[in-house]
Structures are given as C-alpha cells and as structure tokens.
Protein backbone atom coordinates (compact mmCIF):
# COMPACT_ATOMS: atom_id res chain seq x y z
CA MET A 1 -5.52 19.77 11.47
CA LYS A 2 -4.52 20.01 15.91
CA TYR A 3 -4.37 16.85 17.98
CA LEU A 4 -5.37 16.09 21.09
CA LYS A 5 -3.25 13.97 23.11
CA ILE A 6 -5.42 11.79 26.57
CA ASN A 7 -3.03 9.87 29.16
CA THR A 8 -4.79 6.93 30.70
CA GLU A 9 -4.67 4.55 33.07
CA GLU A 10 -3.74 0.99 32.51
CA THR A 11 -7.27 -0.12 33.35
CA ALA A 12 -8.89 2.49 31.22
CA ASP A 13 -11.63 1.28 28.52
CA LEU A 14 -9.71 2.16 25.35
CA GLU A 15 -12.52 1.40 22.89
CA ALA A 16 -15.45 2.58 24.63
CA LEU A 17 -13.19 6.12 25.04
CA LYS A 18 -12.25 5.63 21.65
CA ASN A 19 -16.52 5.18 20.20
CA ALA A 20 -17.73 8.05 22.51
CA ILE A 21 -14.89 10.51 21.26
CA LEU A 22 -15.98 9.40 17.65
CA GLN A 23 -19.33 10.54 18.67
CA MET A 24 -18.33 14.62 19.05
CA LYS A 25 -18.88 16.60 16.23
CA GLY A 26 -15.83 17.70 14.64
CA VAL A 27 -13.79 14.27 15.56
CA ASP A 28 -12.41 12.84 12.31
CA SER A 29 -10.30 9.82 13.11
CA ILE A 30 -8.61 8.27 16.26
CA GLU A 31 -5.52 6.70 16.81
CA ILE A 32 -4.79 4.84 19.57
CA VAL A 33 -0.96 5.22 20.69
CA ASP A 34 1.04 2.78 23.08
CA ASP A 35 3.77 4.73 23.90
CA GLU A 36 5.38 0.90 25.37
CA ASN A 37 5.05 0.43 21.90
CA PRO A 38 7.82 1.95 19.20
CA GLU A 39 6.45 0.37 16.69
CA SER A 40 3.23 2.83 16.73
CA GLU A 41 5.46 6.19 16.80
CA LEU A 42 7.35 4.78 13.50
CA LYS A 43 3.74 4.42 12.16
CA LYS A 44 3.24 8.05 12.12
CA ALA A 45 6.58 8.81 11.78
CA PHE A 46 6.51 7.27 8.07
CA ALA A 47 3.17 8.13 7.69
CA LYS A 48 4.50 12.07 7.34
CA THR A 49 7.19 10.51 5.10
CA LYS A 50 4.83 11.22 1.38
CA GLU A 51 4.78 14.86 2.76
CA GLN A 52 8.50 15.54 3.39
CA PHE A 53 9.59 14.10 0.28
CA LYS A 54 7.14 15.52 -1.87
CA LYS A 55 9.23 19.05 0.25
CA GLY A 56 12.69 17.29 0.05
CA ASP A 57 12.93 16.69 4.03
CA TYR A 58 14.92 13.89 4.08
CA GLU A 59 16.91 15.63 6.86
CA THR A 60 13.92 15.38 9.16
CA LEU A 61 12.97 11.86 8.22
CA VAL A 62 15.90 11.03 8.48
CA ASN A 63 16.10 12.26 12.29
CA ASP A 64 12.34 11.35 12.85
CA ILE A 65 13.09 7.72 12.18
CA PHE A 66 16.08 7.69 14.02
CA ASP A 67 15.24 9.35 17.16
CA ILE A 68 12.32 6.53 17.37
CA LEU A 69 14.69 4.05 17.15
CA THR A 70 16.76 5.42 19.94
CA LYS A 71 14.27 5.90 21.86
CA LYS A 72 14.76 3.81 24.79
C-alpha cells in the first residue's frame, strides 16, 4: 500500500477534495488527518498495533505512541 500526502490551506474544501480523489481509479480509501489534532496520529498508531503485536514488535509500538504523545 502506498500513501499520498496532500497539504491544504485552511480554506480548502476537504470534503470536495476527498470526493474527487475517491473517484480516481485505484483509490481505496481516504483519511483526513489534522496535524493540529494529535488524536488522528494516535489513531493511526493504534491501527498499526495489531500487525506489530503479531510480529512481536512491542518496542516500535511503544516508541510510536510515546513520540505522538510527547510531540508538540
């Protein structure tokens, strides 16, 4: 899976952008992430936990969550 990061202005219509990109062939899903809201970053970190637990990669998991919580 590959990701595309798009930086927008405050006035951008994110729903219109989301709908336009979803119409493109090969686009599976879209998530709007707010850098000002660490909750969305924390949500992404927890989404990775299942795979990390399967691999026994506990150290990376803890480091990812710690970095998000301490990030200004």
